[in-house]
Amino acid sequence: MTSMTLIWLLSGLVFTGTVLSTILGLLNRRSKNPQAIVRNHILSRAAALFAVYVGLVELVPRCKALFLGFGTELPSISVWLIQCSDMVVRMPVRVAVDVLMVLAAETFVVRNWSRSEETQQRAKLWSVSITLVILVGLLLGLIALVMPLIKLLNDLS
């Protein structure tokens, strides 16, 4: 399997996880069942974490190797994304513990808010808001991976 084929496959996995996370997050808007709200919230976060993991641990290092072969200076957003990826690859246990602590706290809040009718709307809004923030972050990450290619095309023309 060529390097570009693998990059396309990993990009597809990131996109699939992002779409699944967004759909599950938006399903919470219609749900009235407290257990369904918490379940959709957890599944949405799991899909988002899968997309972020594949992106930072698999996709970005492969693109980094490709970008270093260009011999041009990378845009700052791309450098920042590569630095984030390097941190995750260098300290996977620390990052995993931090992410799990945030996920547990967020799930606790959503579970408590989804118990009563008055606060269910707040739980749904929180879940959808965090889902959209993750979606925007992943889209910015993909833009950061495309920017060096655009810069290279501009340099060549």
C-alpha atoms as a PDB file:
ATOM      1  CA  MET A   1       0.000   0.000   0.000  1.00  0.00           C
ATOM      2  CA  THR A   2       1.464   3.358  -0.999  1.00  0.00           C
ATOM      3  CA  SER A   3       1.886   6.237   1.417  1.00  0.00           C
ATOM      4  CA  MET A   4      -0.713   8.384  -0.367  1.00  0.00           C
ATOM      5  CA  THR A   5      -3.274   5.553  -0.321  1.00  0.00           C
ATOM      6  CA  LEU A   6      -2.769   5.178   3.410  1.00  0.00           C
ATOM      7  CA  ILE A   7      -3.123   8.941   3.923  1.00  0.00           C
ATOM      8  CA  TRP A   8      -6.408   8.918   1.983  1.00  0.00           C
ATOM      9  CA  LEU A   9      -7.656   5.919   3.981  1.00  0.00           C
ATOM     10  CA  LEU A  10      -6.786   7.589   7.298  1.00  0.00           C
ATOM     11  CA  SER A  11      -8.436  10.827   6.148  1.00  0.00           C
ATOM     12  CA  GLY A  12     -11.581   8.826   5.400  1.00  0.00           C
ATOM     13  CA  LEU A  13     -11.533   7.349   8.916  1.00  0.00           C
ATOM     14  CA  VAL A  14     -11.186  10.824  10.450  1.00  0.00           C
ATOM     15  CA  PHE A  15     -14.063  12.092   8.301  1.00  0.00           C
ATOM     16  CA  THR A  16     -16.262   9.088   9.187  1.00  0.00           C
ATOM     17  CA  GLY A  17     -15.622   9.542  12.916  1.00  0.00           C
ATOM     18  CA  THR A  18     -16.378  13.252  12.639  1.00  0.00           C
ATOM     19  CA  VAL A  19     -19.650  12.704  10.781  1.00  0.00           C
ATOM     20  CA  LEU A  20     -20.728   9.954  13.196  1.00  0.00           C
ATOM     21  CA  SER A  21     -19.909  12.155  16.186  1.00  0.00           C
ATOM     22  CA  THR A  22     -21.896  15.049  14.721  1.00  0.00           C
ATOM     23  CA  ILE A  23     -24.931  12.883  13.930  1.00  0.00           C
ATOM     24  CA  LEU A  24     -24.979  11.359  17.410  1.00  0.00           C
ATOM     25  CA  GLY A  25     -24.551  14.788  19.004  1.00  0.00           C
ATOM     26  CA  LEU A  26     -27.407  16.231  16.983  1.00  0.00           C
ATOM     27  CA  LEU A  27     -29.654  13.260  17.855  1.00  0.00           C
ATOM     28  CA  ASN A  28     -29.548  14.474  21.445  1.00  0.00           C
ATOM     29  CA  ARG A  29     -31.538  17.548  20.438  1.00  0.00           C
ATOM     30  CA  ARG A  30     -34.637  15.405  19.850  1.00  0.00           C
ATOM     31  CA  SER A  31     -34.279  12.913  22.678  1.00  0.00           C
ATOM     32  CA  LYS A  32     -36.412  13.152  25.820  1.00  0.00           C
ATOM     33  CA  ASN A  33     -35.114   9.980  27.480  1.00  0.00           C
ATOM     34  CA  PRO A  34     -32.331  10.760  30.023  1.00  0.00           C
ATOM     35  CA  GLN A  35     -30.556   7.452  29.341  1.00  0.00           C
ATOM     36  CA  ALA A  36     -30.625   8.094  25.583  1.00  0.00           C
ATOM     37  CA  ILE A  37     -29.163  11.578  26.092  1.00  0.00           C
ATOM     38  CA  VAL A  38     -26.238  10.185  28.109  1.00  0.00           C
ATOM     39  CA  ARG A  39     -25.764   7.207  25.737  1.00  0.00           C
ATOM     40  CA  ASN A  40     -25.723   9.416  22.630  1.00  0.00           C
ATOM     41  CA  HIS A  41     -23.390  11.816  24.395  1.00  0.00           C
ATOM     42  CA  ILE A  42     -20.899   9.051  25.246  1.00  0.00           C
ATOM     43  CA  LEU A  43     -21.107   7.506  21.750  1.00  0.00           C
ATOM     44  CA  SER A  44     -20.638  10.938  20.186  1.00  0.00           C
ATOM     45  CA  ARG A  45     -17.515  11.555  22.250  1.00  0.00           C
ATOM     46  CA  ALA A  46     -16.164   8.064  21.489  1.00  0.00           C
ATOM     47  CA  ALA A  47     -16.549   8.682  17.739  1.00  0.00           C
ATOM     48  CA  ALA A  48     -14.908  12.102  18.072  1.00  0.00           C
ATOM     49  CA  LEU A  49     -12.016  10.693  20.118  1.00  0.00           C
ATOM     50  CA  PHE A  50     -11.539   7.967  17.500  1.00  0.00           C
ATOM     51  CA  ALA A  51     -11.340  10.607  14.763  1.00  0.00           C
ATOM     52  CA  VAL A  52      -8.902  12.735  16.777  1.00  0.00           C
ATOM     53  CA  TYR A  53      -6.748   9.702  17.605  1.00  0.00           C
ATOM     54  CA  VAL A  54      -6.530   8.533  13.997  1.00  0.00           C
ATOM     55  CA  GLY A  55      -5.818  12.085  12.897  1.00  0.00           C
ATOM     56  CA  LEU A  56      -3.116  12.921  15.447  1.00  0.00           C
ATOM     57  CA  VAL A  57      -1.403   9.547  15.829  1.00  0.00           C
ATOM     58  CA  GLU A  58      -1.627   8.114  12.328  1.00  0.00           C
ATOM     59  CA  LEU A  59      -2.458  10.779   9.743  1.00  0.00           C
ATOM     60  CA  VAL A  60      -0.447  13.819  10.871  1.00  0.00           C
ATOM     61  CA  PRO A  61       2.907  11.959  11.284  1.00  0.00           C
ATOM     62  CA  ARG A  62       2.563  10.519   7.775  1.00  0.00           C
ATOM     63  CA  CYS A  63       1.753  13.963   6.372  1.00  0.00           C
ATOM     64  CA  LYS A  64       4.649  15.427   8.391  1.00  0.00           C
ATOM     65  CA  ALA A  65       7.073  13.105   6.621  1.00  0.00           C
ATOM     66  CA  LEU A  66       5.567  14.141   3.290  1.00  0.00           C
ATOM     67  CA  PHE A  67       5.713  17.865   4.131  1.00  0.00           C
ATOM     68  CA  LEU A  68       9.346  17.725   5.269  1.00  0.00           C
ATOM     69  CA  GLY A  69      10.224  16.449   1.794  1.00  0.00           C
ATOM     70  CA  PHE A  70       8.828  19.649   0.262  1.00  0.00           C
ATOM     71  CA  GLY A  71      11.728  21.735   1.535  1.00  0.00           C
ATOM     72  CA  THR A  72       9.524  24.812   2.121  1.00  0.00           C
ATOM     73  CA  GLU A  73       8.472  26.507   5.332  1.00  0.00           C
ATOM     74  CA  LEU A  74       5.152  25.245   6.683  1.00  0.00           C
ATOM     75  CA  PRO A  75       2.300  27.580   7.703  1.00  0.00           C
ATOM     76  CA  SER A  76       2.091  28.165  11.457  1.00  0.00           C
ATOM     77  CA  ILE A  77      -1.199  26.289  11.853  1.00  0.00           C
ATOM     78  CA  SER A  78       0.388  23.223  10.251  1.00  0.00           C
ATOM     79  CA  VAL A  79       3.432  23.509  12.531  1.00  0.00           C
ATOM     80  CA  TRP A  80       1.119  23.772  15.552  1.00  0.00           C
ATOM     81  CA  LEU A  81      -0.850  20.677  14.458  1.00  0.00           C
ATOM     82  CA  ILE A  82       2.385  18.712  13.964  1.00  0.00           C
ATOM     83  CA  GLN A  83       3.568  19.784  17.446  1.00  0.00           C
ATOM     84  CA  CYS A  84       0.255  18.609  18.964  1.00  0.00           C
ATOM     85  CA  SER A  85       0.618  15.298  17.155  1.00  0.00           C
ATOM     86  CA  ASP A  86       4.205  14.906  18.370  1.00  0.00           C
ATOM     87  CA  MET A  87       3.061  15.532  21.963  1.00  0.00           C
ATOM     88  CA  VAL A  88       0.317  12.899  21.699  1.00  0.00           C
ATOM     89  CA  VAL A  89       2.726  10.370  20.184  1.00  0.00           C
ATOM     90  CA  ARG A  90       5.425  11.170  22.789  1.00  0.00           C
ATOM     91  CA  MET A  91       3.131  11.062  25.883  1.00  0.00           C
ATOM     92  CA  PRO A  92       0.158   8.813  25.018  1.00  0.00           C
ATOM     93  CA  VAL A  93      -0.621   7.755  28.597  1.00  0.00           C
ATOM     94  CA  ARG A  94      -0.693  11.323  29.935  1.00  0.00           C
ATOM     95  CA  VAL A  95      -2.908  12.510  27.090  1.00  0.00           C
ATOM     96  CA  ALA A  96      -5.214   9.486  27.500  1.00  0.00           C
ATOM     97  CA  VAL A  97      -5.606  10.128  31.246  1.00  0.00           C
ATOM     98  CA  ASP A  98      -6.322  13.829  30.641  1.00  0.00           C
ATOM     99  CA  VAL A  99      -8.891  13.071  27.949  1.00  0.00           C
ATOM    100  CA  LEU A 100     -10.604  10.412  30.068  1.00  0.00           C
ATOM    101  CA  MET A 101     -10.811  12.782  33.063  1.00  0.00           C
ATOM    102  CA  VAL A 102     -12.426  15.490  30.927  1.00  0.00           C
ATOM    103  CA  LEU A 103     -14.777  12.942  29.339  1.00  0.00           C
ATOM    104  CA  ALA A 104     -15.792  11.582  32.762  1.00  0.00           C
ATOM    105  CA  ALA A 105     -16.466  15.074  34.120  1.00  0.00           C
ATOM    106  CA  GLU A 106     -18.458  16.037  31.046  1.00  0.00           C
ATOM    107  CA  THR A 107     -20.502  12.808  31.179  1.00  0.00           C
ATOM    108  CA  PHE A 108     -21.196  13.375  34.883  1.00  0.00           C
ATOM    109  CA  VAL A 109     -22.508  16.880  34.148  1.00  0.00           C
ATOM    110  CA  VAL A 110     -24.675  15.720  31.227  1.00  0.00           C
ATOM    111  CA  ARG A 111     -26.026  12.789  33.241  1.00  0.00           C
ATOM    112  CA  ASN A 112     -26.987  15.033  36.165  1.00  0.00           C
ATOM    113  CA  TRP A 113     -28.540  17.665  33.896  1.00  0.00           C
ATOM    114  CA  SER A 114     -30.522  15.112  31.911  1.00  0.00           C
ATOM    115  CA  ARG A 115     -32.369  13.792  34.968  1.00  0.00           C
ATOM    116  CA  SER A 116     -34.935  16.559  35.298  1.00  0.00           C
ATOM    117  CA  GLU A 117     -37.167  18.164  32.679  1.00  0.00           C
ATOM    118  CA  GLU A 118     -35.936  21.688  33.470  1.00  0.00           C
ATOM    119  CA  THR A 119     -32.261  20.937  32.911  1.00  0.00           C
ATOM    120  CA  GLN A 120     -32.582  18.478  29.999  1.00  0.00           C
ATOM    121  CA  GLN A 121     -32.438  21.347  27.537  1.00  0.00           C
ATOM    122  CA  ARG A 122     -29.162  22.504  29.089  1.00  0.00           C
ATOM    123  CA  ALA A 123     -27.716  18.969  28.795  1.00  0.00           C
ATOM    124  CA  LYS A 124     -28.737  18.760  25.138  1.00  0.00           C
ATOM    125  CA  LEU A 125     -27.306  22.197  24.397  1.00  0.00           C
ATOM    126  CA  TRP A 126     -24.030  21.297  26.123  1.00  0.00           C
ATOM    127  CA  SER A 127     -23.710  18.042  24.180  1.00  0.00           C
ATOM    128  CA  VAL A 128     -24.450  19.665  20.818  1.00  0.00           C
ATOM    129  CA  SER A 129     -22.142  22.613  21.566  1.00  0.00           C
ATOM    130  CA  ILE A 130     -19.183  20.393  22.463  1.00  0.00           C
ATOM    131  CA  THR A 131     -19.856  18.251  19.384  1.00  0.00           C
ATOM    132  CA  LEU A 132     -19.764  21.318  17.157  1.00  0.00           C
ATOM    133  CA  VAL A 133     -16.553  22.559  18.812  1.00  0.00           C
ATOM    134  CA  ILE A 134     -14.924  19.176  18.120  1.00  0.00           C
ATOM    135  CA  LEU A 135     -16.182  19.282  14.536  1.00  0.00           C
ATOM    136  CA  VAL A 136     -14.729  22.767  13.984  1.00  0.00           C
ATOM    137  CA  GLY A 137     -11.436  21.641  15.546  1.00  0.00           C
ATOM    138  CA  LEU A 138     -11.214  18.627  13.254  1.00  0.00           C
ATOM    139  CA  LEU A 139     -12.039  20.748  10.216  1.00  0.00           C
ATOM    140  CA  LEU A 140      -9.317  23.242  11.195  1.00  0.00           C
ATOM    141  CA  GLY A 141      -6.934  20.289  11.528  1.00  0.00           C
ATOM    142  CA  LEU A 142      -7.767  19.122   8.033  1.00  0.00           C
ATOM    143  CA  ILE A 143      -7.290  22.660   6.723  1.00  0.00           C
ATOM    144  CA  ALA A 144      -3.889  22.717   8.442  1.00  0.00           C
ATOM    145  CA  LEU A 145      -2.964  19.556   6.551  1.00  0.00           C
ATOM    146  CA  VAL A 146      -4.058  21.029   3.208  1.00  0.00           C
ATOM    147  CA  MET A 147      -2.362  24.435   3.623  1.00  0.00           C
ATOM    148  CA  PRO A 148       1.194  23.166   2.967  1.00  0.00           C
ATOM    149  CA  LEU A 149      -0.003  21.646  -0.297  1.00  0.00           C
ATOM    150  CA  ILE A 150      -1.556  24.955  -1.350  1.00  0.00           C
ATOM    151  CA  LYS A 151       1.629  26.786  -0.351  1.00  0.00           C
ATOM    152  CA  LEU A 152       3.719  24.334  -2.370  1.00  0.00           C
ATOM    153  CA  LEU A 153       1.505  24.810  -5.433  1.00  0.00           C
ATOM    154  CA  ASN A 154       1.873  28.597  -5.081  1.00  0.00           C
ATOM    155  CA  ASP A 155       5.654  28.279  -4.755  1.00  0.00           C
ATOM    156  CA  LEU A 156       5.847  26.091  -7.863  1.00  0.00           C
ATOM    157  CA  SER A 157       3.748  28.394 -10.037  1.00  0.00           C
END
